[in-house]
Amino acid sequence: MLAGVLSSTSYGGTVVACGNAGGMELPTTVAPFILRGVRLVGIESVRTPTAVRIDAWDALSGLVPRELFDTVGREIALADAVATAEALLAGEMTGRVVVDVRR
């Protein structure tokens, strides 16, 4: 995913990446960086102070319409976790799932 984003980023663009859900491999060349001046910025979130995290999430919250989040993810109750995992493994669903352990 990251290699695809880098290769399609406009001249002088910046790609920000956090986490390694897609793995640590980056199958790309230096072409996006050298030929189009693309910047790759990593976010280290483990040791970031809570106040900085809150400020960052507050800043980002206004950039993406809430309705978009509803199309890429869902929240489920803990009791639904097994059935949801089975559906995910069977390829019957896509997107992200947040498990609310209080429900």
PDB file of N, CA and C in Angstrom:
ATOM      1  N   MET A   1       0.820  -1.188   0.000  1.00  0.00           N
ATOM      2  CA  MET A   1       0.000   0.000   0.000  1.00  0.00           C
ATOM      3  C   MET A   1       0.870   1.261   0.000  1.00  0.00           C
ATOM      4  N   LEU A   2       1.863   1.314   0.886  1.00  0.00           N
ATOM      5  CA  LEU A   2       2.705   2.499   0.990  1.00  0.00           C
ATOM      6  C   LEU A   2       3.462   2.763  -0.309  1.00  0.00           C
ATOM      7  N   ALA A   3       3.960   1.717  -0.937  1.00  0.00           N
ATOM      8  CA  ALA A   3       4.679   1.895  -2.207  1.00  0.00           C
ATOM      9  C   ALA A   3       3.756   2.485  -3.266  1.00  0.00           C
ATOM     10  N   GLY A   4       2.517   2.051  -3.307  1.00  0.00           N
ATOM     11  CA  GLY A   4       1.555   2.585  -4.261  1.00  0.00           C
ATOM     12  C   GLY A   4       1.247   4.049  -4.011  1.00  0.00           C
ATOM     13  N   VAL A   5       1.105   4.408  -2.743  1.00  0.00           N
ATOM     14  CA  VAL A   5       0.846   5.805  -2.398  1.00  0.00           C
ATOM     15  C   VAL A   5       2.032   6.670  -2.791  1.00  0.00           C
ATOM     16  N   LEU A   6       3.242   6.201  -2.496  1.00  0.00           N
ATOM     17  CA  LEU A   6       4.443   6.968  -2.849  1.00  0.00           C
ATOM     18  C   LEU A   6       4.534   7.191  -4.350  1.00  0.00           C
ATOM     19  N   SER A   7       4.242   6.145  -5.119  1.00  0.00           N
ATOM     20  CA  SER A   7       4.381   6.255  -6.571  1.00  0.00           C
ATOM     21  C   SER A   7       3.318   7.138  -7.203  1.00  0.00           C
ATOM     22  N   SER A   8       2.216   7.395  -6.510  1.00  0.00           N
ATOM     23  CA  SER A   8       1.156   8.226  -7.080  1.00  0.00           C
ATOM     24  C   SER A   8       1.069   9.610  -6.435  1.00  0.00           C
ATOM     25  N   THR A   9       2.009   9.915  -5.549  1.00  0.00           N
ATOM     26  CA  THR A   9       2.006  11.228  -4.895  1.00  0.00           C
ATOM     27  C   THR A   9       2.527  12.287  -5.856  1.00  0.00           C
ATOM     28  N   SER A  10       1.876  13.424  -5.858  1.00  0.00           N
ATOM     29  CA  SER A  10       2.247  14.524  -6.759  1.00  0.00           C
ATOM     30  C   SER A  10       3.614  15.092  -6.414  1.00  0.00           C
ATOM     31  N   TYR A  11       4.166  15.823  -7.364  1.00  0.00           N
ATOM     32  CA  TYR A  11       5.464  16.461  -7.200  1.00  0.00           C
ATOM     33  C   TYR A  11       5.491  17.284  -5.914  1.00  0.00           C
ATOM     34  N   GLY A  12       6.530  17.067  -5.115  1.00  0.00           N
ATOM     35  CA  GLY A  12       6.715  17.822  -3.882  1.00  0.00           C
ATOM     36  C   GLY A  12       5.796  17.410  -2.751  1.00  0.00           C
ATOM     37  N   GLY A  13       5.046  16.324  -2.935  1.00  0.00           N
ATOM     38  CA  GLY A  13       4.095  15.883  -1.919  1.00  0.00           C
ATOM     39  C   GLY A  13       4.757  15.202  -0.732  1.00  0.00           C
ATOM     40  N   THR A  14       3.999  15.064   0.321  1.00  0.00           N
ATOM     41  CA  THR A  14       4.468  14.408   1.537  1.00  0.00           C
ATOM     42  C   THR A  14       3.521  13.270   1.887  1.00  0.00           C
ATOM     43  N   VAL A  15       4.074  12.111   2.190  1.00  0.00           N
ATOM     44  CA  VAL A  15       3.304  10.959   2.643  1.00  0.00           C
ATOM     45  C   VAL A  15       3.657  10.734   4.105  1.00  0.00           C
ATOM     46  N   VAL A  16       2.639  10.624   4.936  1.00  0.00           N
ATOM     47  CA  VAL A  16       2.846  10.399   6.361  1.00  0.00           C
ATOM     48  C   VAL A  16       2.390   8.978   6.674  1.00  0.00           C
ATOM     49  N   ALA A  17       3.254   8.203   7.336  1.00  0.00           N
ATOM     50  CA  ALA A  17       2.925   6.818   7.649  1.00  0.00           C
ATOM     51  C   ALA A  17       3.088   6.543   9.132  1.00  0.00           C
ATOM     52  N   CYS A  18       2.151   5.785   9.657  1.00  0.00           N
ATOM     53  CA  CYS A  18       2.191   5.401  11.067  1.00  0.00           C
ATOM     54  C   CYS A  18       1.816   3.929  11.154  1.00  0.00           C
ATOM     55  N   GLY A  19       2.595   3.153  11.862  1.00  0.00           N
ATOM     56  CA  GLY A  19       2.287   1.738  12.021  1.00  0.00           C
ATOM     57  C   GLY A  19       2.859   0.895  10.901  1.00  0.00           C
ATOM     58  N   ASN A  20       2.722  -0.403  11.057  1.00  0.00           N
ATOM     59  CA  ASN A  20       3.253  -1.319  10.046  1.00  0.00           C
ATOM     60  C   ASN A  20       2.274  -2.452   9.787  1.00  0.00           C
ATOM     61  N   ALA A  21       0.997  -2.141   9.704  1.00  0.00           N
ATOM     62  CA  ALA A  21      -0.019  -3.173   9.486  1.00  0.00           C
ATOM     63  C   ALA A  21       0.216  -3.929   8.187  1.00  0.00           C
ATOM     64  N   GLY A  22       0.820  -3.264   7.207  1.00  0.00           N
ATOM     65  CA  GLY A  22       1.100  -3.916   5.934  1.00  0.00           C
ATOM     66  C   GLY A  22       2.449  -4.605   5.907  1.00  0.00           C
ATOM     67  N   GLY A  23       3.172  -4.585   7.008  1.00  0.00           N
ATOM     68  CA  GLY A  23       4.494  -5.191   7.070  1.00  0.00           C
ATOM     69  C   GLY A  23       5.588  -4.145   6.993  1.00  0.00           C
ATOM     70  N   MET A  24       6.806  -4.579   7.199  1.00  0.00           N
ATOM     71  CA  MET A  24       7.944  -3.670   7.208  1.00  0.00           C
ATOM     72  C   MET A  24       8.611  -3.539   5.842  1.00  0.00           C
ATOM     73  N   GLU A  25       8.233  -4.362   4.880  1.00  0.00           N
ATOM     74  CA  GLU A  25       8.797  -4.294   3.540  1.00  0.00           C
ATOM     75  C   GLU A  25       8.269  -3.062   2.808  1.00  0.00           C
ATOM     76  N   LEU A  26       9.109  -2.454   1.984  1.00  0.00           N
ATOM     77  CA  LEU A  26       8.703  -1.321   1.154  1.00  0.00           C
ATOM     78  C   LEU A  26       9.208  -1.572  -0.266  1.00  0.00           C
ATOM     79  N   PRO A  27       8.390  -2.262  -1.071  1.00  0.00           N
ATOM     80  CA  PRO A  27       8.818  -2.625  -2.423  1.00  0.00           C
ATOM     81  C   PRO A  27       8.704  -1.457  -3.408  1.00  0.00           C
ATOM     82  N   THR A  28       9.668  -0.557  -3.350  1.00  0.00           N
ATOM     83  CA  THR A  28       9.684   0.587  -4.244  1.00  0.00           C
ATOM     84  C   THR A  28      11.123   0.965  -4.552  1.00  0.00           C
ATOM     85  N   THR A  29      11.283   1.992  -5.347  1.00  0.00           N
ATOM     86  CA  THR A  29      12.616   2.497  -5.671  1.00  0.00           C
ATOM     87  C   THR A  29      12.756   3.893  -5.072  1.00  0.00           C
ATOM     88  N   VAL A  30      13.883   4.511  -5.302  1.00  0.00           N
ATOM     89  CA  VAL A  30      14.082   5.878  -4.826  1.00  0.00           C
ATOM     90  C   VAL A  30      13.497   6.902  -5.810  1.00  0.00           C
ATOM     91  N   ALA A  31      12.935   6.451  -6.924  1.00  0.00           N
ATOM     92  CA  ALA A  31      12.423   7.360  -7.948  1.00  0.00           C
ATOM     93  C   ALA A  31      11.437   8.404  -7.413  1.00  0.00           C
ATOM     94  N   PRO A  32      10.418   8.029  -6.623  1.00  0.00           N
ATOM     95  CA  PRO A  32       9.496   9.069  -6.159  1.00  0.00           C
ATOM     96  C   PRO A  32      10.203  10.153  -5.333  1.00  0.00           C
ATOM     97  N   PHE A  33      11.208   9.742  -4.597  1.00  0.00           N
ATOM     98  CA  PHE A  33      11.904  10.682  -3.720  1.00  0.00           C
ATOM     99  C   PHE A  33      12.815  11.623  -4.504  1.00  0.00           C
ATOM    100  N   ILE A  34      13.532  11.076  -5.471  1.00  0.00           N
ATOM    101  CA  ILE A  34      14.505  11.868  -6.217  1.00  0.00           C
ATOM    102  C   ILE A  34      13.854  12.627  -7.367  1.00  0.00           C
ATOM    103  N   LEU A  35      13.046  11.945  -8.176  1.00  0.00           N
ATOM    104  CA  LEU A  35      12.509  12.561  -9.392  1.00  0.00           C
ATOM    105  C   LEU A  35      11.356  13.531  -9.142  1.00  0.00           C
ATOM    106  N   ARG A  36      10.577  13.276  -8.074  1.00  0.00           N
ATOM    107  CA  ARG A  36       9.423  14.139  -7.817  1.00  0.00           C
ATOM    108  C   ARG A  36       9.476  14.816  -6.454  1.00  0.00           C
ATOM    109  N   GLY A  37      10.566  14.664  -5.725  1.00  0.00           N
ATOM    110  CA  GLY A  37      10.714  15.350  -4.444  1.00  0.00           C
ATOM    111  C   GLY A  37       9.697  14.942  -3.397  1.00  0.00           C
ATOM    112  N   VAL A  38       9.259  13.689  -3.450  1.00  0.00           N
ATOM    113  CA  VAL A  38       8.291  13.196  -2.474  1.00  0.00           C
ATOM    114  C   VAL A  38       8.998  12.967  -1.142  1.00  0.00           C
ATOM    115  N   ARG A  39       8.321  13.341  -0.067  1.00  0.00           N
ATOM    116  CA  ARG A  39       8.864  13.135   1.283  1.00  0.00           C
ATOM    117  C   ARG A  39       8.053  12.057   1.997  1.00  0.00           C
ATOM    118  N   LEU A  40       8.734  11.153   2.693  1.00  0.00           N
ATOM    119  CA  LEU A  40       8.092  10.146   3.521  1.00  0.00           C
ATOM    120  C   LEU A  40       8.381  10.506   4.969  1.00  0.00           C
ATOM    121  N   VAL A  41       7.324  10.756   5.719  1.00  0.00           N
ATOM    122  CA  VAL A  41       7.464  11.152   7.117  1.00  0.00           C
ATOM    123  C   VAL A  41       6.848  10.061   7.977  1.00  0.00           C
ATOM    124  N   GLY A  42       7.632   9.538   8.905  1.00  0.00           N
ATOM    125  CA  GLY A  42       7.136   8.515   9.809  1.00  0.00           C
ATOM    126  C   GLY A  42       6.657   9.122  11.110  1.00  0.00           C
ATOM    127  N   ILE A  43       5.627   8.502  11.669  1.00  0.00           N
ATOM    128  CA  ILE A  43       5.099   8.937  12.957  1.00  0.00           C
ATOM    129  C   ILE A  43       5.398   7.851  13.977  1.00  0.00           C
ATOM    130  N   GLU A  44       6.125   8.211  15.006  1.00  0.00           N
ATOM    131  CA  GLU A  44       6.400   7.285  16.106  1.00  0.00           C
ATOM    132  C   GLU A  44       5.363   7.588  17.178  1.00  0.00           C
ATOM    133  N   SER A  45       4.417   6.679  17.351  1.00  0.00           N
ATOM    134  CA  SER A  45       3.300   6.968  18.246  1.00  0.00           C
ATOM    135  C   SER A  45       3.406   6.318  19.616  1.00  0.00           C
ATOM    136  N   VAL A  46       4.354   5.452  19.817  1.00  0.00           N
ATOM    137  CA  VAL A  46       4.424   4.724  21.085  1.00  0.00           C
ATOM    138  C   VAL A  46       4.818   5.632  22.246  1.00  0.00           C
ATOM    139  N   ARG A  47       5.829   6.455  22.045  1.00  0.00           N
ATOM    140  CA  ARG A  47       6.324   7.292  23.139  1.00  0.00           C
ATOM    141  C   ARG A  47       5.865   8.743  23.049  1.00  0.00           C
ATOM    142  N   THR A  48       4.933   9.026  22.161  1.00  0.00           N
ATOM    143  CA  THR A  48       4.437  10.394  22.016  1.00  0.00           C
ATOM    144  C   THR A  48       3.591  10.758  23.237  1.00  0.00           C
ATOM    145  N   PRO A  49       3.865  11.891  23.859  1.00  0.00           N
ATOM    146  CA  PRO A  49       3.090  12.294  25.041  1.00  0.00           C
ATOM    147  C   PRO A  49       1.596  12.434  24.735  1.00  0.00           C
ATOM    148  N   THR A  50       0.767  12.148  25.701  1.00  0.00           N
ATOM    149  CA  THR A  50      -0.680  12.190  25.529  1.00  0.00           C
ATOM    150  C   THR A  50      -1.159  13.549  25.039  1.00  0.00           C
ATOM    151  N   ALA A  51      -0.619  14.621  25.560  1.00  0.00           N
ATOM    152  CA  ALA A  51      -1.051  15.960  25.146  1.00  0.00           C
ATOM    153  C   ALA A  51      -0.794  16.189  23.662  1.00  0.00           C
ATOM    154  N   VAL A  52       0.319  15.703  23.162  1.00  0.00           N
ATOM    155  CA  VAL A  52       0.636  15.850  21.732  1.00  0.00           C
ATOM    156  C   VAL A  52      -0.331  15.014  20.898  1.00  0.00           C
ATOM    157  N   ARG A  53      -0.641  13.812  21.368  1.00  0.00           N
ATOM    158  CA  ARG A  53      -1.600  12.950  20.652  1.00  0.00           C
ATOM    159  C   ARG A  53      -2.969  13.621  20.564  1.00  0.00           C
ATOM    160  N   ILE A  54      -3.421  14.177  21.672  1.00  0.00           N
ATOM    161  CA  ILE A  54      -4.736  14.838  21.692  1.00  0.00           C
ATOM    162  C   ILE A  54      -4.755  16.005  20.721  1.00  0.00           C
ATOM    163  N   ASP A  55      -3.704  16.811  20.731  1.00  0.00           N
ATOM    164  CA  ASP A  55      -3.622  17.934  19.788  1.00  0.00           C
ATOM    165  C   ASP A  55      -3.664  17.448  18.345  1.00  0.00           C
ATOM    166  N   ALA A  56      -2.946  16.374  18.061  1.00  0.00           N
ATOM    167  CA  ALA A  56      -2.909  15.840  16.694  1.00  0.00           C
ATOM    168  C   ALA A  56      -4.284  15.333  16.269  1.00  0.00           C
ATOM    169  N   TRP A  57      -4.951  14.570  17.125  1.00  0.00           N
ATOM    170  CA  TRP A  57      -6.274  14.048  16.779  1.00  0.00           C
ATOM    171  C   TRP A  57      -7.286  15.176  16.635  1.00  0.00           C
ATOM    172  N   ASP A  58      -7.177  16.209  17.473  1.00  0.00           N
ATOM    173  CA  ASP A  58      -8.066  17.364  17.339  1.00  0.00           C
ATOM    174  C   ASP A  58      -7.867  18.050  15.991  1.00  0.00           C
ATOM    175  N   ALA A  59      -6.605  18.202  15.579  1.00  0.00           N
ATOM    176  CA  ALA A  59      -6.313  18.842  14.295  1.00  0.00           C
ATOM    177  C   ALA A  59      -6.825  18.006  13.131  1.00  0.00           C
ATOM    178  N   LEU A  60      -6.664  16.699  13.214  1.00  0.00           N
ATOM    179  CA  LEU A  60      -7.091  15.816  12.125  1.00  0.00           C
ATOM    180  C   LEU A  60      -8.600  15.648  12.055  1.00  0.00           C
ATOM    181  N   SER A  61      -9.278  15.775  13.183  1.00  0.00           N
ATOM    182  CA  SER A  61     -10.712  15.489  13.217  1.00  0.00           C
ATOM    183  C   SER A  61     -11.519  16.389  12.292  1.00  0.00           C
ATOM    184  N   GLY A  62     -11.050  17.587  12.048  1.00  0.00           N
ATOM    185  CA  GLY A  62     -11.778  18.483  11.166  1.00  0.00           C
ATOM    186  C   GLY A  62     -11.453  18.319   9.693  1.00  0.00           C
ATOM    187  N   LEU A  63     -10.483  17.482   9.363  1.00  0.00           N
ATOM    188  CA  LEU A  63     -10.059  17.335   7.975  1.00  0.00           C
ATOM    189  C   LEU A  63     -10.832  16.277   7.194  1.00  0.00           C
ATOM    190  N   VAL A  64     -11.403  15.316   7.903  1.00  0.00           N
ATOM    191  CA  VAL A  64     -12.093  14.210   7.242  1.00  0.00           C
ATOM    192  C   VAL A  64     -13.553  14.209   7.686  1.00  0.00           C
ATOM    193  N   PRO A  65     -14.482  14.206   6.735  1.00  0.00           N
ATOM    194  CA  PRO A  65     -15.900  14.182   7.109  1.00  0.00           C
ATOM    195  C   PRO A  65     -16.246  12.912   7.898  1.00  0.00           C
ATOM    196  N   ARG A  66     -17.031  13.049   8.932  1.00  0.00           N
ATOM    197  CA  ARG A  66     -17.412  11.925   9.788  1.00  0.00           C
ATOM    198  C   ARG A  66     -18.043  10.792   8.978  1.00  0.00           C
ATOM    199  N   GLU A  67     -18.812  11.137   7.956  1.00  0.00           N
ATOM    200  CA  GLU A  67     -19.487  10.120   7.145  1.00  0.00           C
ATOM    201  C   GLU A  67     -18.489   9.162   6.481  1.00  0.00           C
ATOM    202  N   LEU A  68     -17.283   9.648   6.178  1.00  0.00           N
ATOM    203  CA  LEU A  68     -16.276   8.812   5.548  1.00  0.00           C
ATOM    204  C   LEU A  68     -15.837   7.682   6.481  1.00  0.00           C
ATOM    205  N   PHE A  69     -15.717   7.988   7.761  1.00  0.00           N
ATOM    206  CA  PHE A  69     -15.334   6.959   8.718  1.00  0.00           C
ATOM    207  C   PHE A  69     -16.349   5.830   8.756  1.00  0.00           C
ATOM    208  N   ASP A  70     -17.618   6.173   8.603  1.00  0.00           N
ATOM    209  CA  ASP A  70     -18.663   5.160   8.639  1.00  0.00           C
ATOM    210  C   ASP A  70     -18.587   4.205   7.454  1.00  0.00           C
ATOM    211  N   THR A  71     -17.939   4.601   6.362  1.00  0.00           N
ATOM    212  CA  THR A  71     -17.844   3.732   5.190  1.00  0.00           C
ATOM    213  C   THR A  71     -16.652   2.782   5.253  1.00  0.00           C
ATOM    214  N   VAL A  72     -15.682   3.052   6.113  1.00  0.00           N
ATOM    215  CA  VAL A  72     -14.479   2.222   6.149  1.00  0.00           C
ATOM    216  C   VAL A  72     -14.328   1.418   7.438  1.00  0.00           C
ATOM    217  N   GLY A  73     -15.243   1.585   8.355  1.00  0.00           N
ATOM    218  CA  GLY A  73     -15.118   0.851   9.605  1.00  0.00           C
ATOM    219  C   GLY A  73     -16.432   0.758  10.339  1.00  0.00           C
ATOM    220  N   ARG A  74     -16.412  -0.052  11.371  1.00  0.00           N
ATOM    221  CA  ARG A  74     -17.612  -0.222  12.194  1.00  0.00           C
ATOM    222  C   ARG A  74     -17.205  -0.567  13.615  1.00  0.00           C
ATOM    223  N   GLU A  75     -18.117  -0.352  14.515  1.00  0.00           N
ATOM    224  CA  GLU A  75     -17.896  -0.699  15.916  1.00  0.00           C
ATOM    225  C   GLU A  75     -18.823  -1.846  16.263  1.00  0.00           C
ATOM    226  N   ILE A  76     -18.272  -2.844  16.967  1.00  0.00           N
ATOM    227  CA  ILE A  76     -19.075  -3.997  17.355  1.00  0.00           C
ATOM    228  C   ILE A  76     -18.942  -4.235  18.852  1.00  0.00           C
ATOM    229  N   ALA A  77     -19.848  -5.024  19.389  1.00  0.00           N
ATOM    230  CA  ALA A  77     -19.780  -5.438  20.786  1.00  0.00           C
ATOM    231  C   ALA A  77     -18.818  -6.614  20.905  1.00  0.00           C
ATOM    232  N   LEU A  78     -18.260  -6.790  22.076  1.00  0.00           N
ATOM    233  CA  LEU A  78     -17.338  -7.906  22.309  1.00  0.00           C
ATOM    234  C   LEU A  78     -18.008  -9.239  21.988  1.00  0.00           C
ATOM    235  N   ALA A  79     -19.289  -9.343  22.272  1.00  0.00           N
ATOM    236  CA  ALA A  79     -20.015 -10.594  22.008  1.00  0.00           C
ATOM    237  C   ALA A  79     -20.051 -10.940  20.518  1.00  0.00           C
ATOM    238  N   ASP A  80     -19.876  -9.962  19.649  1.00  0.00           N
ATOM    239  CA  ASP A  80     -19.906 -10.192  18.198  1.00  0.00           C
ATOM    240  C   ASP A  80     -18.528 -10.422  17.593  1.00  0.00           C
ATOM    241  N   ALA A  81     -17.494 -10.444  18.415  1.00  0.00           N
ATOM    242  CA  ALA A  81     -16.120 -10.519  17.905  1.00  0.00           C
ATOM    243  C   ALA A  81     -15.838 -11.818  17.146  1.00  0.00           C
ATOM    244  N   VAL A  82     -16.295 -12.941  17.661  1.00  0.00           N
ATOM    245  CA  VAL A  82     -16.002 -14.226  17.004  1.00  0.00           C
ATOM    246  C   VAL A  82     -16.690 -14.302  15.643  1.00  0.00           C
ATOM    247  N   ALA A  83     -17.962 -13.951  15.583  1.00  0.00           N
ATOM    248  CA  ALA A  83     -18.688 -13.999  14.306  1.00  0.00           C
ATOM    249  C   ALA A  83     -18.090 -13.015  13.302  1.00  0.00           C
ATOM    250  N   THR A  84     -17.697 -11.860  13.780  1.00  0.00           N
ATOM    251  CA  THR A  84     -17.094 -10.865  12.892  1.00  0.00           C
ATOM    252  C   THR A  84     -15.751 -11.351  12.376  1.00  0.00           C
ATOM    253  N   ALA A  85     -14.948 -11.970  13.232  1.00  0.00           N
ATOM    254  CA  ALA A  85     -13.655 -12.508  12.818  1.00  0.00           C
ATOM    255  C   ALA A  85     -13.843 -13.602  11.763  1.00  0.00           C
ATOM    256  N   GLU A  86     -14.836 -14.443  11.953  1.00  0.00           N
ATOM    257  CA  GLU A  86     -15.109 -15.498  10.975  1.00  0.00           C
ATOM    258  C   GLU A  86     -15.507 -14.905   9.624  1.00  0.00           C
ATOM    259  N   ALA A  87     -16.341 -13.867   9.641  1.00  0.00           N
ATOM    260  CA  ALA A  87     -16.743 -13.206   8.398  1.00  0.00           C
ATOM    261  C   ALA A  87     -15.547 -12.552   7.713  1.00  0.00           C
ATOM    262  N   LEU A  88     -14.674 -11.960   8.506  1.00  0.00           N
ATOM    263  CA  LEU A  88     -13.475 -11.329   7.961  1.00  0.00           C
ATOM    264  C   LEU A  88     -12.572 -12.368   7.298  1.00  0.00           C
ATOM    265  N   LEU A  89     -12.334 -13.475   7.992  1.00  0.00           N
ATOM    266  CA  LEU A  89     -11.477 -14.532   7.447  1.00  0.00           C
ATOM    267  C   LEU A  89     -12.080 -15.194   6.212  1.00  0.00           C
ATOM    268  N   ALA A  90     -13.404 -15.196   6.125  1.00  0.00           N
ATOM    269  CA  ALA A  90     -14.080 -15.788   4.964  1.00  0.00           C
ATOM    270  C   ALA A  90     -14.155 -14.811   3.791  1.00  0.00           C
ATOM    271  N   GLY A  91     -13.648 -13.584   3.979  1.00  0.00           N
ATOM    272  CA  GLY A  91     -13.674 -12.598   2.908  1.00  0.00           C
ATOM    273  C   GLY A  91     -15.035 -11.978   2.680  1.00  0.00           C
ATOM    274  N   GLU A  92     -15.894 -12.041   3.689  1.00  0.00           N
ATOM    275  CA  GLU A  92     -17.254 -11.531   3.552  1.00  0.00           C
ATOM    276  C   GLU A  92     -17.393 -10.067   3.957  1.00  0.00           C
ATOM    277  N   MET A  93     -16.304  -9.462   4.408  1.00  0.00           N
ATOM    278  CA  MET A  93     -16.371  -8.066   4.819  1.00  0.00           C
ATOM    279  C   MET A  93     -15.026  -7.397   4.611  1.00  0.00           C
ATOM    280  N   THR A  94     -15.024  -6.096   4.562  1.00  0.00           N
ATOM    281  CA  THR A  94     -13.803  -5.321   4.437  1.00  0.00           C
ATOM    282  C   THR A  94     -13.849  -4.179   5.440  1.00  0.00           C
ATOM    283  N   GLY A  95     -12.751  -3.490   5.572  1.00  0.00           N
ATOM    284  CA  GLY A  95     -12.702  -2.329   6.459  1.00  0.00           C
ATOM    285  C   GLY A  95     -12.138  -2.666   7.819  1.00  0.00           C
ATOM    286  N   ARG A  96     -12.256  -1.721   8.702  1.00  0.00           N
ATOM    287  CA  ARG A  96     -11.727  -1.851  10.062  1.00  0.00           C
ATOM    288  C   ARG A  96     -12.856  -2.111  11.030  1.00  0.00           C
ATOM    289  N   VAL A  97     -12.535  -2.813  12.112  1.00  0.00           N
ATOM    290  CA  VAL A  97     -13.511  -3.105  13.147  1.00  0.00           C
ATOM    291  C   VAL A  97     -12.914  -2.694  14.490  1.00  0.00           C
ATOM    292  N   VAL A  98     -13.698  -1.948  15.245  1.00  0.00           N
ATOM    293  CA  VAL A  98     -13.314  -1.575  16.610  1.00  0.00           C
ATOM    294  C   VAL A  98     -14.236  -2.351  17.538  1.00  0.00           C
ATOM    295  N   VAL A  99     -13.629  -3.074  18.490  1.00  0.00           N
ATOM    296  CA  VAL A  99     -14.412  -3.857  19.439  1.00  0.00           C
ATOM    297  C   VAL A  99     -14.576  -3.037  20.713  1.00  0.00           C
ATOM    298  N   ASP A 100     -15.825  -2.740  21.053  1.00  0.00           N
ATOM    299  CA  ASP A 100     -16.149  -2.028  22.291  1.00  0.00           C
ATOM    300  C   ASP A 100     -16.344  -3.087  23.375  1.00  0.00           C
ATOM    301  N   VAL A 101     -15.350  -3.241  24.224  1.00  0.00           N
ATOM    302  CA  VAL A 101     -15.391  -4.290  25.254  1.00  0.00           C
ATOM    303  C   VAL A 101     -16.395  -3.990  26.346  1.00  0.00           C
ATOM    304  N   ARG A 102     -16.958  -2.796  26.356  1.00  0.00           N
ATOM    305  CA  ARG A 102     -17.957  -2.453  27.363  1.00  0.00           C
ATOM    306  C   ARG A 102     -19.351  -2.844  26.918  1.00  0.00           C
ATOM    307  N   ARG A 103     -19.529  -3.183  25.636  1.00  0.00           N
ATOM    308  CA  ARG A 103     -20.859  -3.565  25.133  1.00  0.00           C
ATOM    309  C   ARG A 103     -21.028  -5.054  25.121  1.00  0.00           C
TER     310      ARG A 103
END
